[in-house]
Amino acid sequence: MTASEAATTDRETPVNQDPEPTPGPLTGDPALIGVPTFIVGSIALGMTLVGYVPAAAVGAPVAIILAATGIGQLVAAVWAAGIGQSAVASIFGIFSGFWLSYGFLVLGLTHDWFGVPSESATATQGLFLTSWFVTVALLTLATLRLPAAYTLLFGLIAAALVIVLVATLQGSTELKAVGGYVVFTFAALGCYLFFHVMSVATGGRGLPLGHPVLGR
């Protein structure tokens, strides 16, 4: 029985009819905040990696990443948890942690907050990127039952982390720029997902997201 058939049956049987849901703070789609705030941080990070700002201006995207993306992902995670979407809350919570920790990493290294010697800065960045690569790779594998667009998104994020990790350890500006273009690629996919969730939220049809890699 489809959802529309179930709704018709309920209308024909008043005793089984549930009351209409009342709009409130614990309804709606958390992705309406989570996806666009993810996009803006990705664009800012990608522009930094490809060299739009000088290498010394590594803190250029931090205002966007902390105030918009990190907080936006956290708000989306809390919203999702409030309406019982635990998997969605997990995803946004993980990326809230990533963006916030990235902002604090940059600020900490540039202002010597953590007592990391300058000669250990590269290893510290490697530690950060390795830890997050492993986590995002696990997230990619754990969400193979989601539509393929999400699997591709997480896979691209993991790929970008690996590329930037190698570029950081080797001191390669060219390879870091490649990582930036991968960031732009998953930002573009994020734009597609935003059009999808906004279309659904405004009464339209969602965009094709592809079949899950694994069946249910």
C-alpha atoms as a PDB file:
ATOM      1  CA  MET A   1       0.000   0.000   0.000  1.00  0.00           C
ATOM      2  CA  THR A   2       1.366   3.386  -0.958  1.00  0.00           C
ATOM      3  CA  ALA A   3       1.267   6.453   1.272  1.00  0.00           C
ATOM      4  CA  SER A   4      -1.510   8.002  -0.826  1.00  0.00           C
ATOM      5  CA  GLU A   5      -3.580   4.827  -0.627  1.00  0.00           C
ATOM      6  CA  ALA A   6      -3.115   4.742   3.130  1.00  0.00           C
ATOM      7  CA  ALA A   7      -4.245   8.359   3.374  1.00  0.00           C
ATOM      8  CA  THR A   8      -7.355   7.581   1.287  1.00  0.00           C
ATOM      9  CA  THR A   9      -8.210   4.616   3.499  1.00  0.00           C
ATOM     10  CA  ASP A  10      -7.913   6.758   6.603  1.00  0.00           C
ATOM     11  CA  ARG A  11     -10.238   9.383   5.144  1.00  0.00           C
ATOM     12  CA  GLU A  12     -12.805   6.708   4.386  1.00  0.00           C
ATOM     13  CA  THR A  13     -12.563   5.377   7.940  1.00  0.00           C
ATOM     14  CA  PRO A  14     -12.973   8.344  10.320  1.00  0.00           C
ATOM     15  CA  VAL A  15     -12.414   6.235  13.414  1.00  0.00           C
ATOM     16  CA  ASN A  16      -8.839   5.578  12.230  1.00  0.00           C
ATOM     17  CA  GLN A  17      -8.170   9.109  11.066  1.00  0.00           C
ATOM     18  CA  ASP A  18      -5.297  10.882  12.775  1.00  0.00           C
ATOM     19  CA  PRO A  19      -5.534  14.604  13.433  1.00  0.00           C
ATOM     20  CA  GLU A  20      -3.789  16.909  10.981  1.00  0.00           C
ATOM     21  CA  PRO A  21      -0.233  17.733  12.147  1.00  0.00           C
ATOM     22  CA  THR A  22       0.098  21.185  13.637  1.00  0.00           C
ATOM     23  CA  PRO A  23       3.093  23.199  12.350  1.00  0.00           C
ATOM     24  CA  GLY A  24       5.519  24.025  15.115  1.00  0.00           C
ATOM     25  CA  PRO A  25       9.189  24.204  16.042  1.00  0.00           C
ATOM     26  CA  LEU A  26       9.589  20.421  15.889  1.00  0.00           C
ATOM     27  CA  THR A  27       8.440  19.937  12.296  1.00  0.00           C
ATOM     28  CA  GLY A  28       9.992  20.538   8.899  1.00  0.00           C
ATOM     29  CA  ASP A  29      13.304  19.548   7.341  1.00  0.00           C
ATOM     30  CA  PRO A  30      16.603  20.352   9.130  1.00  0.00           C
ATOM     31  CA  ALA A  31      18.413  20.125   5.788  1.00  0.00           C
ATOM     32  CA  LEU A  32      16.938  23.509   4.884  1.00  0.00           C
ATOM     33  CA  ILE A  33      19.488  25.009   7.284  1.00  0.00           C
ATOM     34  CA  GLY A  34      22.122  22.283   7.245  1.00  0.00           C
ATOM     35  CA  VAL A  35      22.698  22.104   3.495  1.00  0.00           C
ATOM     36  CA  PRO A  36      23.077  25.813   2.604  1.00  0.00           C
ATOM     37  CA  THR A  37      25.323  26.499   5.585  1.00  0.00           C
ATOM     38  CA  PHE A  38      27.437  23.530   4.487  1.00  0.00           C
ATOM     39  CA  ILE A  39      27.644  25.003   0.982  1.00  0.00           C
ATOM     40  CA  VAL A  40      28.852  28.450   2.058  1.00  0.00           C
ATOM     41  CA  GLY A  41      31.628  27.012   4.227  1.00  0.00           C
ATOM     42  CA  SER A  42      32.708  24.664   1.442  1.00  0.00           C
ATOM     43  CA  ILE A  43      32.938  27.517  -1.055  1.00  0.00           C
ATOM     44  CA  ALA A  44      35.024  29.602   1.360  1.00  0.00           C
ATOM     45  CA  LEU A  45      37.347  26.675   2.092  1.00  0.00           C
ATOM     46  CA  GLY A  46      37.681  25.789  -1.596  1.00  0.00           C
ATOM     47  CA  MET A  47      38.597  29.368  -2.517  1.00  0.00           C
ATOM     48  CA  THR A  48      41.269  29.346   0.157  1.00  0.00           C
ATOM     49  CA  LEU A  49      42.743  26.044  -1.030  1.00  0.00           C
ATOM     50  CA  VAL A  50      42.965  27.091  -4.685  1.00  0.00           C
ATOM     51  CA  GLY A  51      44.891  30.228  -3.701  1.00  0.00           C
ATOM     52  CA  TYR A  52      42.268  32.942  -4.054  1.00  0.00           C
ATOM     53  CA  VAL A  53      43.808  34.470  -0.923  1.00  0.00           C
ATOM     54  CA  PRO A  54      47.539  34.400  -0.108  1.00  0.00           C
ATOM     55  CA  ALA A  55      48.859  31.334   1.703  1.00  0.00           C
ATOM     56  CA  ALA A  56      49.534  33.472   4.770  1.00  0.00           C
ATOM     57  CA  ALA A  57      45.821  34.349   4.965  1.00  0.00           C
ATOM     58  CA  VAL A  58      44.831  30.848   6.071  1.00  0.00           C
ATOM     59  CA  GLY A  59      42.307  32.342   8.484  1.00  0.00           C
ATOM     60  CA  ALA A  60      40.337  34.043   5.698  1.00  0.00           C
ATOM     61  CA  PRO A  61      37.417  31.554   5.697  1.00  0.00           C
ATOM     62  CA  VAL A  62      37.236  31.124   9.479  1.00  0.00           C
ATOM     63  CA  ALA A  63      34.524  33.758  10.053  1.00  0.00           C
ATOM     64  CA  ILE A  64      32.198  31.953   7.635  1.00  0.00           C
ATOM     65  CA  ILE A  65      33.194  28.485   8.816  1.00  0.00           C
ATOM     66  CA  LEU A  66      32.638  29.204  12.512  1.00  0.00           C
ATOM     67  CA  ALA A  67      29.730  31.665  12.507  1.00  0.00           C
ATOM     68  CA  ALA A  68      27.746  30.227   9.602  1.00  0.00           C
ATOM     69  CA  THR A  69      28.728  26.650   8.809  1.00  0.00           C
ATOM     70  CA  GLY A  70      29.701  25.288  12.216  1.00  0.00           C
ATOM     71  CA  ILE A  71      26.755  26.847  14.014  1.00  0.00           C
ATOM     72  CA  GLY A  72      24.393  26.098  11.131  1.00  0.00           C
ATOM     73  CA  GLN A  73      25.312  22.411  11.174  1.00  0.00           C
ATOM     74  CA  LEU A  74      24.824  22.333  14.943  1.00  0.00           C
ATOM     75  CA  VAL A  75      21.384  23.949  14.679  1.00  0.00           C
ATOM     76  CA  ALA A  76      20.399  21.428  11.994  1.00  0.00           C
ATOM     77  CA  ALA A  77      21.638  18.541  14.158  1.00  0.00           C
ATOM     78  CA  VAL A  78      19.605  19.714  17.162  1.00  0.00           C
ATOM     79  CA  TRP A  79      16.553  20.248  14.956  1.00  0.00           C
ATOM     80  CA  ALA A  80      16.890  16.747  13.472  1.00  0.00           C
ATOM     81  CA  ALA A  81      17.295  15.176  16.901  1.00  0.00           C
ATOM     82  CA  GLY A  82      14.219  17.066  18.114  1.00  0.00           C
ATOM     83  CA  ILE A  83      12.028  15.505  15.431  1.00  0.00           C
ATOM     84  CA  GLY A  84      13.493  12.037  15.867  1.00  0.00           C
ATOM     85  CA  GLN A  85      15.686  11.943  12.728  1.00  0.00           C
ATOM     86  CA  SER A  86      18.647  10.310  14.411  1.00  0.00           C
ATOM     87  CA  ALA A  87      20.617   9.507  11.243  1.00  0.00           C
ATOM     88  CA  VAL A  88      20.229  13.073   9.965  1.00  0.00           C
ATOM     89  CA  ALA A  89      21.189  14.425  13.389  1.00  0.00           C
ATOM     90  CA  SER A  90      24.289  12.228  13.324  1.00  0.00           C
ATOM     91  CA  ILE A  91      25.365  13.524   9.902  1.00  0.00           C
ATOM     92  CA  PHE A  92      24.889  17.189  10.742  1.00  0.00           C
ATOM     93  CA  GLY A  93      26.429  16.669  14.176  1.00  0.00           C
ATOM     94  CA  ILE A  94      29.527  15.094  12.649  1.00  0.00           C
ATOM     95  CA  PHE A  95      29.976  17.957  10.195  1.00  0.00           C
ATOM     96  CA  SER A  96      29.321  20.508  12.902  1.00  0.00           C
ATOM     97  CA  GLY A  97      32.255  18.966  14.730  1.00  0.00           C
ATOM     98  CA  PHE A  98      34.387  19.054  11.600  1.00  0.00           C
ATOM     99  CA  TRP A  99      33.781  22.699  10.733  1.00  0.00           C
ATOM    100  CA  LEU A 100      34.003  23.981  14.289  1.00  0.00           C
ATOM    101  CA  SER A 101      37.200  22.043  14.962  1.00  0.00           C
ATOM    102  CA  TYR A 102      38.691  23.294  11.693  1.00  0.00           C
ATOM    103  CA  GLY A 103      38.017  26.883  12.726  1.00  0.00           C
ATOM    104  CA  PHE A 104      39.557  26.324  16.148  1.00  0.00           C
ATOM    105  CA  LEU A 105      42.537  24.537  14.602  1.00  0.00           C
ATOM    106  CA  VAL A 106      43.328  27.524  12.378  1.00  0.00           C
ATOM    107  CA  LEU A 107      42.813  30.034  15.176  1.00  0.00           C
ATOM    108  CA  GLY A 108      44.762  27.899  17.637  1.00  0.00           C
ATOM    109  CA  LEU A 109      47.773  27.479  15.356  1.00  0.00           C
ATOM    110  CA  THR A 110      47.885  31.102  14.231  1.00  0.00           C
ATOM    111  CA  HIS A 111      47.479  32.480  17.775  1.00  0.00           C
ATOM    112  CA  ASP A 112      49.466  29.787  19.611  1.00  0.00           C
ATOM    113  CA  TRP A 113      46.507  28.759  21.761  1.00  0.00           C
ATOM    114  CA  PHE A 114      47.484  25.116  22.134  1.00  0.00           C
ATOM    115  CA  GLY A 115      51.203  25.395  22.759  1.00  0.00           C
ATOM    116  CA  VAL A 116      52.062  23.644  19.489  1.00  0.00           C
ATOM    117  CA  PRO A 117      55.622  24.552  18.385  1.00  0.00           C
ATOM    118  CA  SER A 118      55.884  25.964  14.865  1.00  0.00           C
ATOM    119  CA  GLU A 119      57.905  22.939  13.737  1.00  0.00           C
ATOM    120  CA  SER A 120      54.992  20.688  14.749  1.00  0.00           C
ATOM    121  CA  ALA A 121      52.315  22.665  12.906  1.00  0.00           C
ATOM    122  CA  THR A 122      52.403  20.421   9.835  1.00  0.00           C
ATOM    123  CA  ALA A 123      52.143  17.243  11.908  1.00  0.00           C
ATOM    124  CA  THR A 124      49.241  18.788  13.832  1.00  0.00           C
ATOM    125  CA  GLN A 125      47.406  19.503  10.595  1.00  0.00           C
ATOM    126  CA  GLY A 126      48.147  15.952   9.471  1.00  0.00           C
ATOM    127  CA  LEU A 127      46.669  14.630  12.699  1.00  0.00           C
ATOM    128  CA  PHE A 128      43.528  16.687  12.136  1.00  0.00           C
ATOM    129  CA  LEU A 129      43.081  15.644   8.503  1.00  0.00           C
ATOM    130  CA  THR A 130      43.781  11.962   9.174  1.00  0.00           C
ATOM    131  CA  SER A 131      41.308  11.814  12.058  1.00  0.00           C
ATOM    132  CA  TRP A 132      38.572  13.420  10.009  1.00  0.00           C
ATOM    133  CA  PHE A 133      39.296  11.339   6.913  1.00  0.00           C
ATOM    134  CA  VAL A 134      38.802   8.139   8.904  1.00  0.00           C
ATOM    135  CA  THR A 135      35.571   9.475  10.414  1.00  0.00           C
ATOM    136  CA  VAL A 136      34.113  10.663   7.094  1.00  0.00           C
ATOM    137  CA  ALA A 137      35.134   7.412   5.392  1.00  0.00           C
ATOM    138  CA  LEU A 138      33.254   5.503   8.101  1.00  0.00           C
ATOM    139  CA  LEU A 139      30.266   7.810   7.592  1.00  0.00           C
ATOM    140  CA  THR A 140      30.361   7.115   3.856  1.00  0.00           C
ATOM    141  CA  LEU A 141      30.264   3.361   4.436  1.00  0.00           C
ATOM    142  CA  ALA A 142      27.614   3.640   7.157  1.00  0.00           C
ATOM    143  CA  THR A 143      25.228   5.561   4.886  1.00  0.00           C
ATOM    144  CA  LEU A 144      25.266   3.314   1.822  1.00  0.00           C
ATOM    145  CA  ARG A 145      21.523   2.764   2.266  1.00  0.00           C
ATOM    146  CA  LEU A 146      20.871   6.440   1.603  1.00  0.00           C
ATOM    147  CA  PRO A 147      20.286   7.688  -1.969  1.00  0.00           C
ATOM    148  CA  ALA A 148      23.461   7.616  -4.052  1.00  0.00           C
ATOM    149  CA  ALA A 149      23.813  11.415  -4.114  1.00  0.00           C
ATOM    150  CA  TYR A 150      24.613  11.390  -0.396  1.00  0.00           C
ATOM    151  CA  THR A 151      27.125   8.566  -0.746  1.00  0.00           C
ATOM    152  CA  LEU A 152      28.834  10.505  -3.540  1.00  0.00           C
ATOM    153  CA  LEU A 153      28.866  13.658  -1.404  1.00  0.00           C
ATOM    154  CA  PHE A 154      30.516  11.950   1.566  1.00  0.00           C
ATOM    155  CA  GLY A 155      32.937  10.112  -0.724  1.00  0.00           C
ATOM    156  CA  LEU A 156      34.033  13.402  -2.311  1.00  0.00           C
ATOM    157  CA  ILE A 157      34.571  14.930   1.129  1.00  0.00           C
ATOM    158  CA  ALA A 158      36.732  11.967   2.135  1.00  0.00           C
ATOM    159  CA  ALA A 159      38.697  12.281  -1.130  1.00  0.00           C
ATOM    160  CA  ALA A 160      39.276  15.995  -0.532  1.00  0.00           C
ATOM    161  CA  LEU A 161      40.577  15.272   2.955  1.00  0.00           C
ATOM    162  CA  VAL A 162      43.082  12.731   1.610  1.00  0.00           C
ATOM    163  CA  ILE A 163      44.291  15.094  -1.114  1.00  0.00           C
ATOM    164  CA  VAL A 164      44.715  18.018   1.282  1.00  0.00           C
ATOM    165  CA  LEU A 165      46.443  15.695   3.783  1.00  0.00           C
ATOM    166  CA  VAL A 166      49.039  14.617   1.202  1.00  0.00           C
ATOM    167  CA  ALA A 167      49.423  18.216  -0.011  1.00  0.00           C
ATOM    168  CA  THR A 168      49.989  19.425   3.549  1.00  0.00           C
ATOM    169  CA  LEU A 169      52.574  16.776   4.379  1.00  0.00           C
ATOM    170  CA  GLN A 170      54.427  17.353   1.088  1.00  0.00           C
ATOM    171  CA  GLY A 171      54.059  21.123   1.131  1.00  0.00           C
ATOM    172  CA  SER A 172      52.511  21.012  -2.355  1.00  0.00           C
ATOM    173  CA  THR A 173      50.533  24.107  -3.354  1.00  0.00           C
ATOM    174  CA  GLU A 174      49.468  22.481  -6.623  1.00  0.00           C
ATOM    175  CA  LEU A 175      48.036  19.401  -4.916  1.00  0.00           C
ATOM    176  CA  LYS A 176      46.289  21.589  -2.353  1.00  0.00           C
ATOM    177  CA  ALA A 177      44.605  23.405  -5.252  1.00  0.00           C
ATOM    178  CA  VAL A 178      43.413  20.031  -6.578  1.00  0.00           C
ATOM    179  CA  GLY A 179      41.845  19.435  -3.184  1.00  0.00           C
ATOM    180  CA  GLY A 180      40.175  22.830  -3.499  1.00  0.00           C
ATOM    181  CA  TYR A 181      38.572  21.846  -6.795  1.00  0.00           C
ATOM    182  CA  VAL A 182      37.270  18.644  -5.211  1.00  0.00           C
ATOM    183  CA  VAL A 183      35.780  20.854  -2.480  1.00  0.00           C
ATOM    184  CA  PHE A 184      34.070  22.921  -5.192  1.00  0.00           C
ATOM    185  CA  THR A 185      32.721  19.674  -6.670  1.00  0.00           C
ATOM    186  CA  PHE A 186      31.037  18.567  -3.466  1.00  0.00           C
ATOM    187  CA  ALA A 187      29.824  22.139  -2.908  1.00  0.00           C
ATOM    188  CA  ALA A 188      28.119  21.931  -6.323  1.00  0.00           C
ATOM    189  CA  LEU A 189      26.536  18.633  -5.311  1.00  0.00           C
ATOM    190  CA  GLY A 190      25.407  20.357  -2.111  1.00  0.00           C
ATOM    191  CA  CYS A 191      23.689  22.997  -4.281  1.00  0.00           C
ATOM    192  CA  TYR A 192      21.811  20.224  -6.081  1.00  0.00           C
ATOM    193  CA  LEU A 193      20.701  18.756  -2.760  1.00  0.00           C
ATOM    194  CA  PHE A 194      19.587  22.200  -1.595  1.00  0.00           C
ATOM    195  CA  PHE A 195      17.377  22.592  -4.667  1.00  0.00           C
ATOM    196  CA  HIS A 196      15.960  19.161  -3.840  1.00  0.00           C
ATOM    197  CA  VAL A 197      15.046  19.899  -0.221  1.00  0.00           C
ATOM    198  CA  MET A 198      13.772  23.394  -1.034  1.00  0.00           C
ATOM    199  CA  SER A 199      11.577  22.050  -3.828  1.00  0.00           C
ATOM    200  CA  VAL A 200      10.022  19.501  -1.481  1.00  0.00           C
ATOM    201  CA  ALA A 201       9.578  22.103   1.270  1.00  0.00           C
ATOM    202  CA  THR A 202       7.750  24.484  -1.088  1.00  0.00           C
ATOM    203  CA  GLY A 203       5.324  21.859  -2.347  1.00  0.00           C
ATOM    204  CA  GLY A 204       7.203  20.681  -5.414  1.00  0.00           C
ATOM    205  CA  ARG A 205       8.721  17.388  -6.411  1.00  0.00           C
ATOM    206  CA  GLY A 206      12.155  16.379  -5.239  1.00  0.00           C
ATOM    207  CA  LEU A 207      15.064  15.963  -7.648  1.00  0.00           C
ATOM    208  CA  PRO A 208      16.419  12.507  -8.551  1.00  0.00           C
ATOM    209  CA  LEU A 209      19.003  11.427  -5.978  1.00  0.00           C
ATOM    210  CA  GLY A 210      19.882   7.985  -7.306  1.00  0.00           C
ATOM    211  CA  HIS A 211      19.299   4.532  -5.883  1.00  0.00           C
ATOM    212  CA  PRO A 212      21.070   3.459  -2.704  1.00  0.00           C
ATOM    213  CA  VAL A 213      24.218   1.414  -3.163  1.00  0.00           C
ATOM    214  CA  LEU A 214      22.842  -1.141  -0.704  1.00  0.00           C
ATOM    215  CA  GLY A 215      19.236  -2.276  -0.645  1.00  0.00           C
ATOM    216  CA  ARG A 216      17.173  -1.938   2.491  1.00  0.00           C
END
